[in-house]
Amino acid sequence: MPLTQRHFFSAACISPLAKGLNRRYPGTSADRPFSFRIHNSKLVSFWQTLLAGFESGAVSWNGGSGIINNATGTPAHSGSWKAKLAGTGATRTDNLYQQVAIPATAVSATLSFWLQVTTAETTTSRAYDTLRVQVRNSGGTILATPATYSNLNKGSGYVQRSMDLSAYKGQTVQVFFVGAEDASLQTTFLVDDVALTVQ
């Protein structure tokens, strides 16, 4: 029967398995959690999450102060920490990004995250406040904007979003979130459990 296992290795104690996986999938990191599937004693698939999450605060992320927070008034999807972009009811732009190298040998690269949008806007047709998900190069130049969300995406809970970033295999890119709000009627974009999974 196929067997799936999850293992965690620290930089100070890397097992032969982790080294072997890194040789087979160059660019992967032995100090990040990864999963693999073994069938008949052979490795048949491997996947790893390259982006660091929010539970350690803003350690691996760049952006404005306080965007990543554990305030109880705006609950996280899981754990205690999440990112809050916009939500002031005043003209504002919040940026949040993390830089990551996507291995050239990856079969696929998928960005996923959980998003909750709450708003005081009442329109059902016009996007006044937006959250753009962008891919930028290491110098900050926009390569693509795979998704844009707005006050029109409001809801009572978190919804998982995902997009294919396989086009950027072999590149170092910035996964970039831009929350923009106009001068009135707040829209809050809560982002949590961001993952870039390569396989």
Protein backbone atom coordinates (compact mmCIF):
# COMPACT_ATOMS: atom_id res chain seq x y z
CA MET A 1 0.00 0.00 0.00
CA PRO A 2 1.35 3.51 -0.80
CA LEU A 3 2.70 5.30 2.25
CA THR A 4 2.79 9.06 2.77
CA GLN A 5 4.96 10.51 5.52
CA ARG A 6 5.75 14.01 6.74
CA HIS A 7 9.20 14.84 8.10
CA PHE A 8 10.87 17.95 9.48
CA PHE A 9 14.63 18.50 9.43
CA SER A 10 16.62 21.29 11.03
CA ALA A 11 19.62 22.93 9.38
CA ALA A 12 21.79 21.57 12.21
CA CYS A 13 20.67 17.95 11.76
CA ILE A 14 20.06 16.98 8.14
CA SER A 15 19.38 13.31 7.51
CA PRO A 16 20.66 11.31 4.53
CA LEU A 17 17.09 11.29 3.24
CA ALA A 18 16.94 15.08 3.21
CA LYS A 19 20.28 15.24 1.42
CA GLY A 20 19.07 12.72 -1.14
CA LEU A 21 15.90 14.68 -1.76
CA ASN A 22 17.93 17.84 -2.27
CA ARG A 23 20.11 16.07 -4.84
CA ARG A 24 17.05 14.86 -6.72
CA TYR A 25 15.19 18.17 -6.39
CA PRO A 26 17.88 20.91 -6.40
CA GLY A 27 16.80 24.15 -4.77
CA THR A 28 14.71 22.54 -2.06
CA SER A 29 15.49 23.39 1.55
CA ALA A 30 16.15 20.78 4.23
CA ASP A 31 15.10 23.14 7.01
CA ARG A 32 11.56 23.54 5.59
CA PRO A 33 8.81 20.94 6.05
CA PHE A 34 8.35 18.60 3.14
CA SER A 35 6.22 15.60 2.28
CA PHE A 36 6.99 12.56 0.21
CA ARG A 37 5.24 9.42 -1.00
CA ILE A 38 6.90 6.02 -1.04
CA HIS A 39 5.61 3.02 -2.96
CA ASN A 40 7.36 -0.36 -3.01
CA SER A 41 10.36 1.19 -1.21
CA LYS A 42 10.76 3.81 -3.94
CA LEU A 43 10.25 7.56 -3.74
CA VAL A 44 7.44 8.30 -6.20
CA SER A 45 6.58 11.89 -5.37
CA PHE A 46 7.83 14.79 -3.29
CA TRP A 47 6.47 18.22 -2.46
CA GLN A 48 7.61 21.07 -0.24
CA THR A 49 6.22 24.39 0.97
CA LEU A 50 8.77 27.12 0.29
CA LEU A 51 7.12 30.15 1.89
CA ALA A 52 7.33 30.78 5.63
CA GLY A 53 3.99 31.37 7.33
CA PHE A 54 2.89 34.04 9.79
CA GLU A 55 3.07 32.19 13.11
CA SER A 56 6.56 33.56 13.80
CA GLY A 57 5.41 37.10 13.04
CA ALA A 58 7.06 39.17 10.32
CA VAL A 59 10.36 37.25 10.47
CA SER A 60 10.45 36.23 6.80
CA TRP A 61 8.08 38.80 5.35
CA ASN A 62 8.66 42.40 4.31
CA GLY A 63 6.05 45.13 4.56
CA GLY A 64 4.52 47.79 6.73
CA SER A 65 4.64 47.58 10.50
CA GLY A 66 1.71 45.77 12.08
CA ILE A 67 0.39 44.13 8.90
CA ILE A 68 1.23 40.71 10.34
CA ASN A 69 -0.42 40.60 13.75
CA ASN A 70 -2.22 38.44 16.28
CA ALA A 71 -4.99 40.86 17.23
CA THR A 72 -8.06 38.91 18.36
CA GLY A 73 -10.47 41.38 16.76
CA THR A 74 -9.52 40.04 13.34
CA PRO A 75 -9.13 36.27 13.80
CA ALA A 76 -6.67 34.15 11.86
CA HIS A 77 -7.72 31.21 9.71
CA SER A 78 -5.45 28.95 11.77
CA GLY A 79 -3.08 29.62 14.64
CA SER A 80 -2.98 33.17 16.02
CA TRP A 81 -1.19 35.26 13.40
CA LYS A 82 -2.38 36.49 10.01
CA ALA A 83 -1.84 39.48 7.70
CA LYS A 84 -4.30 42.36 7.66
CA LEU A 85 -4.13 44.68 4.67
CA ALA A 86 -6.14 47.93 4.43
CA GLY A 87 -9.20 48.19 6.70
CA THR A 88 -8.90 51.82 7.82
CA GLY A 89 -11.54 53.60 5.77
CA ALA A 90 -8.92 56.07 4.57
CA THR A 91 -6.67 56.28 1.51
CA ARG A 92 -4.01 53.65 2.10
CA THR A 93 -1.76 51.12 0.37
CA ASP A 94 -0.25 48.16 2.24
CA ASN A 95 2.51 46.01 0.75
CA LEU A 96 3.56 42.57 1.96
CA TYR A 97 5.98 40.23 0.24
CA GLN A 98 8.42 37.37 0.62
CA GLN A 99 11.19 36.43 -1.79
CA VAL A 100 11.60 32.80 -2.78
CA ALA A 101 13.60 30.72 -5.27
CA ILE A 102 11.49 28.24 -7.23
CA PRO A 103 13.58 25.19 -8.25
CA ALA A 104 14.05 24.76 -12.00
CA THR A 105 13.42 21.01 -11.56
CA ALA A 106 9.98 21.47 -10.00
CA VAL A 107 7.14 19.78 -11.85
CA SER A 108 4.67 22.33 -10.52
CA ALA A 109 4.56 25.40 -8.29
CA THR A 110 1.27 26.42 -6.71
CA LEU A 111 0.60 29.49 -4.58
CA SER A 112 -2.28 29.10 -2.15
CA PHE A 113 -3.65 31.14 0.74
CA TRP A 114 -6.82 31.74 2.72
CA LEU A 115 -8.56 35.10 2.26
CA GLN A 116 -11.36 36.80 4.14
CA VAL A 117 -12.82 40.09 2.89
CA THR A 118 -15.06 42.27 5.04
CA THR A 119 -16.28 45.68 3.93
CA ALA A 120 -18.53 48.61 4.72
CA GLU A 121 -19.05 49.16 0.99
CA THR A 122 -22.61 48.43 -0.13
CA THR A 123 -22.12 48.39 -3.90
CA THR A 124 -22.54 45.11 -5.75
CA SER A 125 -20.93 46.29 -8.98
CA ARG A 126 -17.92 48.52 -8.32
CA ALA A 127 -14.53 47.58 -6.87
CA TYR A 128 -13.46 50.51 -4.72
CA ASP A 129 -10.84 48.70 -2.60
CA THR A 130 -8.57 45.96 -3.93
CA LEU A 131 -6.07 43.29 -2.99
CA ARG A 132 -3.70 42.42 -5.83
CA VAL A 133 -1.61 39.27 -5.80
CA GLN A 134 1.55 39.88 -7.81
CA VAL A 135 4.68 38.07 -8.86
CA ARG A 136 7.71 40.37 -9.01
CA ASN A 137 11.32 39.69 -9.84
CA SER A 138 14.03 40.05 -7.20
CA GLY A 139 14.37 43.73 -8.12
CA GLY A 140 10.69 44.43 -7.49
CA THR A 141 9.54 44.70 -11.11
CA ILE A 142 6.02 43.34 -11.62
CA LEU A 143 6.04 40.21 -13.78
CA ALA A 144 2.35 39.36 -13.44
CA THR A 145 -0.76 39.98 -11.37
CA PRO A 146 -2.38 36.51 -11.22
CA ALA A 147 -5.38 37.66 -9.17
CA THR A 148 -7.19 40.75 -7.92
CA TYR A 149 -9.81 40.71 -5.17
CA SER A 150 -11.98 43.57 -3.97
CA ASN A 151 -14.86 44.65 -1.77
CA LEU A 152 -17.03 42.64 -4.19
CA ASN A 153 -15.49 39.46 -2.76
CA LYS A 154 -16.82 40.13 0.73
CA GLY A 155 -17.90 37.17 2.81
CA SER A 156 -18.39 35.95 6.35
CA GLY A 157 -15.38 33.64 6.46
CA TYR A 158 -12.10 32.60 4.91
CA VAL A 159 -12.00 31.19 1.38
CA GLN A 160 -8.99 29.35 -0.04
CA ARG A 161 -7.46 30.81 -3.18
CA SER A 162 -4.79 29.26 -5.38
CA MET A 163 -2.87 30.00 -8.57
CA ASP A 164 -0.27 28.33 -10.74
CA LEU A 165 3.24 29.83 -10.62
CA SER A 166 4.92 27.09 -12.64
CA ALA A 167 5.91 29.68 -15.26
CA TYR A 168 8.51 31.00 -12.78
CA LYS A 169 10.43 27.76 -12.23
CA GLY A 170 14.15 28.44 -12.04
CA GLN A 171 13.60 32.05 -10.95
CA THR A 172 13.88 33.99 -7.71
CA VAL A 173 10.64 35.91 -7.32
CA GLN A 174 8.73 37.96 -4.79
CA VAL A 175 5.25 36.81 -3.85
CA PHE A 176 3.64 40.19 -3.36
CA PHE A 177 0.31 41.30 -1.84
CA VAL A 178 -0.87 44.88 -2.39
CA GLY A 179 -3.91 46.11 -0.46
CA ALA A 180 -5.28 49.46 -1.66
CA GLU A 181 -8.14 51.39 -0.08
CA ASP A 182 -9.86 54.64 -1.09
CA ALA A 183 -10.86 57.56 1.12
CA SER A 184 -14.05 56.15 2.64
CA LEU A 185 -15.84 52.97 3.75
CA GLN A 186 -13.29 50.42 4.92
CA THR A 187 -12.51 47.09 3.32
CA THR A 188 -10.34 44.66 5.26
CA PHE A 189 -8.36 41.92 3.54
CA LEU A 190 -7.22 39.15 5.91
CA VAL A 191 -4.65 36.71 4.48
CA ASP A 192 -3.46 33.56 6.24
CA ASP A 193 -1.79 30.20 5.65
CA VAL A 194 0.15 31.35 2.58
CA ALA A 195 1.99 28.47 0.89
CA LEU A 196 4.04 28.05 -2.25
CA THR A 197 4.08 24.32 -2.84
CA VAL A 198 6.51 22.78 -5.32
CA GLN A 199 6.37 19.22 -6.51
